[in-house]
N, C-alpha and C. Protein backbone atom coordinates (compact mmCIF):
# COMPACT_ATOMS: atom_id res chain seq x y z
N MET A 1 -17.67 62.71 150.63
CA MET A 1 -16.31 62.85 150.14
C MET A 1 -16.28 62.66 148.63
N SER A 2 -15.52 63.47 147.97
CA SER A 2 -15.41 63.33 146.53
C SER A 2 -14.21 62.45 146.19
N ASN A 3 -14.29 61.81 145.03
CA ASN A 3 -13.21 60.93 144.58
C ASN A 3 -12.28 61.64 143.62
N VAL A 4 -12.32 62.95 143.57
CA VAL A 4 -11.48 63.72 142.66
C VAL A 4 -10.09 63.85 143.26
N LYS A 5 -9.07 63.49 142.43
CA LYS A 5 -7.69 63.64 142.89
C LYS A 5 -7.26 65.08 142.72
N LYS A 6 -6.57 65.60 143.71
CA LYS A 6 -6.04 66.95 143.61
C LYS A 6 -4.59 66.83 143.16
N ILE A 7 -4.28 67.48 142.04
CA ILE A 7 -2.95 67.43 141.46
C ILE A 7 -2.27 68.76 141.72
N SER A 8 -1.08 68.71 142.27
CA SER A 8 -0.30 69.91 142.49
C SER A 8 0.53 70.17 141.24
N SER A 9 0.31 71.30 140.60
CA SER A 9 1.01 71.61 139.36
C SER A 9 1.32 73.09 139.30
N PRO A 10 2.49 73.45 138.77
CA PRO A 10 2.80 74.87 138.62
C PRO A 10 2.06 75.50 137.43
N PHE A 11 1.35 74.68 136.65
CA PHE A 11 0.64 75.14 135.46
C PHE A 11 -0.86 75.19 135.69
N LEU A 12 -1.53 76.00 134.89
CA LEU A 12 -2.98 76.01 134.86
C LEU A 12 -3.44 74.66 134.33
N LEU A 13 -4.44 74.07 134.95
CA LEU A 13 -4.96 72.78 134.51
C LEU A 13 -6.33 72.96 133.87
N TYR A 14 -6.56 72.27 132.77
CA TYR A 14 -7.87 72.23 132.13
C TYR A 14 -8.23 70.75 132.00
N ARG A 15 -9.28 70.35 132.67
CA ARG A 15 -9.73 68.95 132.70
C ARG A 15 -8.59 68.01 133.12
N GLY A 16 -7.79 68.47 134.09
CA GLY A 16 -6.75 67.64 134.66
C GLY A 16 -5.44 67.59 133.91
N LYS A 17 -5.33 68.35 132.81
CA LYS A 17 -4.10 68.37 132.03
C LYS A 17 -3.55 69.79 131.97
N PRO A 18 -2.22 69.93 131.94
CA PRO A 18 -1.61 71.26 131.91
C PRO A 18 -1.98 72.05 130.65
N LEU A 19 -2.19 73.34 130.82
CA LEU A 19 -2.44 74.27 129.72
C LEU A 19 -1.44 75.39 129.88
N VAL A 20 -0.45 75.44 128.97
CA VAL A 20 0.66 76.37 129.08
C VAL A 20 0.63 77.32 127.89
N ARG A 21 0.76 78.63 128.17
CA ARG A 21 0.72 79.63 127.12
C ARG A 21 2.06 80.33 126.99
N CYS A 22 2.47 80.54 125.75
CA CYS A 22 3.66 81.32 125.43
C CYS A 22 3.28 82.22 124.26
N GLY A 23 2.94 83.47 124.55
CA GLY A 23 2.48 84.38 123.50
C GLY A 23 1.14 83.93 122.96
N ASN A 24 1.06 83.70 121.65
CA ASN A 24 -0.18 83.28 121.01
C ASN A 24 -0.25 81.77 120.81
N ILE A 25 0.65 81.03 121.43
CA ILE A 25 0.66 79.57 121.30
C ILE A 25 0.38 78.96 122.67
N LEU A 26 -0.54 78.00 122.69
CA LEU A 26 -0.87 77.27 123.91
C LEU A 26 -0.60 75.79 123.68
N TYR A 27 -0.07 75.14 124.69
CA TYR A 27 0.13 73.70 124.65
C TYR A 27 -0.78 73.08 125.70
N TYR A 28 -1.52 72.07 125.28
CA TYR A 28 -2.46 71.39 126.17
C TYR A 28 -2.03 69.94 126.29
N GLY A 29 -1.73 69.52 127.49
CA GLY A 29 -1.32 68.15 127.75
C GLY A 29 0.02 68.11 128.43
N ASP A 30 0.39 66.92 128.85
CA ASP A 30 1.65 66.70 129.56
C ASP A 30 2.72 66.31 128.56
N MET A 31 3.84 67.01 128.56
CA MET A 31 4.93 66.73 127.61
C MET A 31 5.56 65.36 127.85
N ASN A 32 5.29 64.73 128.98
CA ASN A 32 5.78 63.37 129.24
C ASN A 32 4.90 62.32 128.59
N ASP A 33 3.70 62.69 128.15
CA ASP A 33 2.81 61.76 127.44
C ASP A 33 3.24 61.66 125.99
N LYS A 34 2.64 60.71 125.26
CA LYS A 34 3.00 60.50 123.86
C LYS A 34 2.50 61.63 122.94
N PHE A 35 1.40 62.27 123.33
CA PHE A 35 0.80 63.33 122.50
C PHE A 35 0.50 64.57 123.33
N VAL A 36 0.52 65.73 122.69
CA VAL A 36 0.02 66.98 123.24
C VAL A 36 -0.69 67.72 122.11
N VAL A 37 -1.42 68.76 122.46
CA VAL A 37 -2.11 69.57 121.45
C VAL A 37 -1.54 70.97 121.48
N LYS A 38 -1.26 71.49 120.30
CA LYS A 38 -0.77 72.86 120.14
C LYS A 38 -1.93 73.69 119.58
N ILE A 39 -2.23 74.80 120.23
CA ILE A 39 -3.26 75.72 119.75
C ILE A 39 -2.59 77.05 119.47
N GLU A 40 -2.62 77.46 118.21
CA GLU A 40 -2.01 78.73 117.83
C GLU A 40 -3.11 79.72 117.48
N ILE A 41 -3.17 80.81 118.22
CA ILE A 41 -4.16 81.85 117.96
C ILE A 41 -3.65 82.72 116.81
N LYS A 42 -4.33 82.66 115.68
CA LYS A 42 -3.91 83.39 114.49
C LYS A 42 -4.43 84.81 114.46
N SER A 43 -5.65 85.03 114.94
CA SER A 43 -6.19 86.39 114.96
C SER A 43 -7.22 86.52 116.08
N SER A 44 -7.43 87.76 116.48
CA SER A 44 -8.41 88.04 117.53
C SER A 44 -9.04 89.39 117.25
N GLU A 45 -10.16 89.64 117.90
CA GLU A 45 -10.84 90.92 117.75
C GLU A 45 -11.29 91.40 119.12
N LYS A 46 -11.44 92.68 119.25
CA LYS A 46 -11.83 93.27 120.53
C LYS A 46 -13.35 93.26 120.66
N GLN A 47 -13.82 92.71 121.78
CA GLN A 47 -15.25 92.69 122.09
C GLN A 47 -15.41 93.09 123.55
N HIS A 48 -16.05 94.20 123.78
CA HIS A 48 -16.30 94.68 125.15
C HIS A 48 -15.00 94.75 125.97
N ASP A 49 -13.98 95.36 125.43
CA ASP A 49 -12.69 95.56 126.10
C ASP A 49 -11.90 94.28 126.33
N LEU A 50 -12.26 93.19 125.67
CA LEU A 50 -11.52 91.94 125.77
C LEU A 50 -11.08 91.49 124.38
N GLU A 51 -9.88 90.94 124.28
CA GLU A 51 -9.42 90.35 123.02
C GLU A 51 -9.97 88.94 122.93
N MET A 52 -10.78 88.67 121.91
CA MET A 52 -11.41 87.36 121.73
C MET A 52 -10.86 86.70 120.47
N CYS A 53 -10.48 85.45 120.60
CA CYS A 53 -9.93 84.69 119.48
C CYS A 53 -11.02 84.50 118.42
N ASN A 54 -10.67 84.76 117.16
CA ASN A 54 -11.62 84.48 116.08
C ASN A 54 -11.02 83.58 115.00
N LYS A 55 -9.77 83.10 115.24
CA LYS A 55 -9.17 82.12 114.35
C LYS A 55 -8.03 81.43 115.10
N ALA A 56 -8.12 80.10 115.21
CA ALA A 56 -7.10 79.32 115.91
C ALA A 56 -6.81 78.05 115.12
N ILE A 57 -5.54 77.67 115.08
CA ILE A 57 -5.11 76.43 114.46
C ILE A 57 -4.85 75.42 115.58
N VAL A 58 -5.47 74.26 115.49
CA VAL A 58 -5.33 73.21 116.50
C VAL A 58 -4.58 72.04 115.86
N GLN A 59 -3.52 71.57 116.53
CA GLN A 59 -2.73 70.46 116.00
C GLN A 59 -2.46 69.44 117.10
N LEU A 60 -2.76 68.17 116.82
CA LEU A 60 -2.38 67.07 117.69
C LEU A 60 -0.98 66.66 117.26
N ILE A 61 -0.03 66.72 118.18
CA ILE A 61 1.36 66.41 117.82
C ILE A 61 1.95 65.36 118.75
N GLU A 62 2.90 64.59 118.20
CA GLU A 62 3.64 63.62 119.00
C GLU A 62 4.77 64.33 119.72
N THR A 63 5.12 63.85 120.89
CA THR A 63 6.19 64.47 121.67
C THR A 63 7.53 63.77 121.49
N ASP A 64 7.58 62.71 120.70
CA ASP A 64 8.81 61.97 120.48
C ASP A 64 9.86 62.85 119.80
N PRO A 65 11.02 63.09 120.45
CA PRO A 65 12.03 63.98 119.85
C PRO A 65 12.75 63.36 118.65
N GLU A 66 12.60 62.06 118.43
CA GLU A 66 13.27 61.38 117.31
C GLU A 66 12.55 61.61 115.98
N ILE A 67 11.29 62.04 116.02
CA ILE A 67 10.49 62.23 114.81
C ILE A 67 10.70 63.64 114.27
N SER A 68 10.74 63.77 112.94
CA SER A 68 10.91 65.10 112.33
C SER A 68 9.69 65.97 112.61
N THR A 69 9.89 67.26 112.56
CA THR A 69 8.84 68.22 112.91
C THR A 69 7.58 68.04 112.07
N LYS A 70 7.72 67.83 110.77
CA LYS A 70 6.55 67.67 109.91
C LYS A 70 5.79 66.38 110.17
N LYS A 71 6.49 65.33 110.55
CA LYS A 71 5.84 64.05 110.81
C LYS A 71 5.20 63.99 112.19
N LYS A 72 5.51 64.95 113.07
CA LYS A 72 4.93 64.97 114.41
C LYS A 72 3.45 65.33 114.38
N ILE A 73 3.01 66.09 113.39
CA ILE A 73 1.62 66.54 113.32
C ILE A 73 0.73 65.38 112.88
N ILE A 74 -0.17 64.97 113.76
CA ILE A 74 -1.08 63.86 113.49
C ILE A 74 -2.40 64.36 112.90
N LYS A 75 -2.96 65.41 113.50
CA LYS A 75 -4.22 66.02 113.04
C LYS A 75 -4.08 67.52 113.12
N SER A 76 -4.83 68.21 112.26
CA SER A 76 -4.84 69.66 112.27
C SER A 76 -6.21 70.17 111.86
N SER A 77 -6.62 71.29 112.48
CA SER A 77 -7.91 71.88 112.16
C SER A 77 -7.88 73.38 112.47
N GLU A 78 -8.73 74.13 111.80
CA GLU A 78 -8.87 75.56 112.07
C GLU A 78 -10.23 75.79 112.71
N LYS A 79 -10.25 76.54 113.80
CA LYS A 79 -11.49 76.83 114.53
C LYS A 79 -11.69 78.33 114.64
N SER A 80 -12.95 78.73 114.79
CA SER A 80 -13.28 80.16 114.82
C SER A 80 -13.41 80.74 116.22
N THR A 81 -13.42 79.90 117.26
CA THR A 81 -13.47 80.40 118.63
C THR A 81 -12.49 79.59 119.48
N PHE A 82 -12.05 80.18 120.58
CA PHE A 82 -11.16 79.45 121.46
C PHE A 82 -11.88 78.29 122.12
N TYR A 83 -13.15 78.46 122.44
CA TYR A 83 -13.91 77.37 123.05
C TYR A 83 -13.93 76.15 122.14
N SER A 84 -14.22 76.34 120.86
CA SER A 84 -14.26 75.19 119.95
C SER A 84 -12.86 74.59 119.77
N ALA A 85 -11.82 75.42 119.83
CA ALA A 85 -10.45 74.92 119.71
C ALA A 85 -10.06 74.06 120.91
N ILE A 86 -10.33 74.52 122.12
CA ILE A 86 -9.97 73.75 123.31
C ILE A 86 -10.86 72.52 123.45
N ASP A 87 -12.09 72.60 122.97
CA ASP A 87 -13.01 71.47 123.00
C ASP A 87 -12.50 70.33 122.11
N ILE A 88 -12.14 70.63 120.88
CA ILE A 88 -11.63 69.59 119.97
C ILE A 88 -10.26 69.11 120.44
N ALA A 89 -9.47 70.01 121.04
CA ALA A 89 -8.17 69.61 121.58
C ALA A 89 -8.34 68.55 122.66
N ASN A 90 -9.29 68.74 123.53
CA ASN A 90 -9.55 67.78 124.61
C ASN A 90 -9.99 66.43 124.04
N VAL A 91 -10.88 66.43 123.07
CA VAL A 91 -11.37 65.19 122.46
C VAL A 91 -10.22 64.45 121.78
N TRP A 92 -9.44 65.15 120.96
CA TRP A 92 -8.32 64.52 120.25
C TRP A 92 -7.31 63.94 121.23
N LEU A 93 -6.97 64.69 122.26
CA LEU A 93 -5.97 64.25 123.21
C LEU A 93 -6.45 63.03 123.99
N GLU A 94 -7.68 63.05 124.45
CA GLU A 94 -8.23 61.90 125.18
C GLU A 94 -8.22 60.65 124.31
N ARG A 95 -8.65 60.78 123.06
CA ARG A 95 -8.68 59.62 122.16
C ARG A 95 -7.27 59.12 121.86
N ALA A 96 -6.34 60.02 121.61
CA ALA A 96 -4.96 59.62 121.28
C ALA A 96 -4.29 58.93 122.46
N LEU A 97 -4.50 59.43 123.67
CA LEU A 97 -3.86 58.84 124.84
C LEU A 97 -4.50 57.52 125.25
N ASN A 98 -5.75 57.30 124.88
CA ASN A 98 -6.44 56.06 125.24
C ASN A 98 -6.19 54.94 124.26
N ASN A 99 -5.63 55.25 123.09
CA ASN A 99 -5.34 54.20 122.09
C ASN A 99 -3.97 53.61 122.31
């Protein structure tokens, strides 16, 4: 028997947290938590009939509605692949939620 909890969610899950897409913006994490990560795909290129991200902005943001929009951004970085963007997003989110 495995000890993995099965979570019922209407959203796609990545490493147990919701991953929601709206156009070229993805939000990673639960909006009920203190932090989420916003990934904005700035540009992509076609490779073998698939659109592949070649520039993404990753931002760790607070979900507190009382804070101004500019002060919500805790960390920001630009990545050249979606894999590196979602990888750093997971690390930042795990660290922020564990502190």
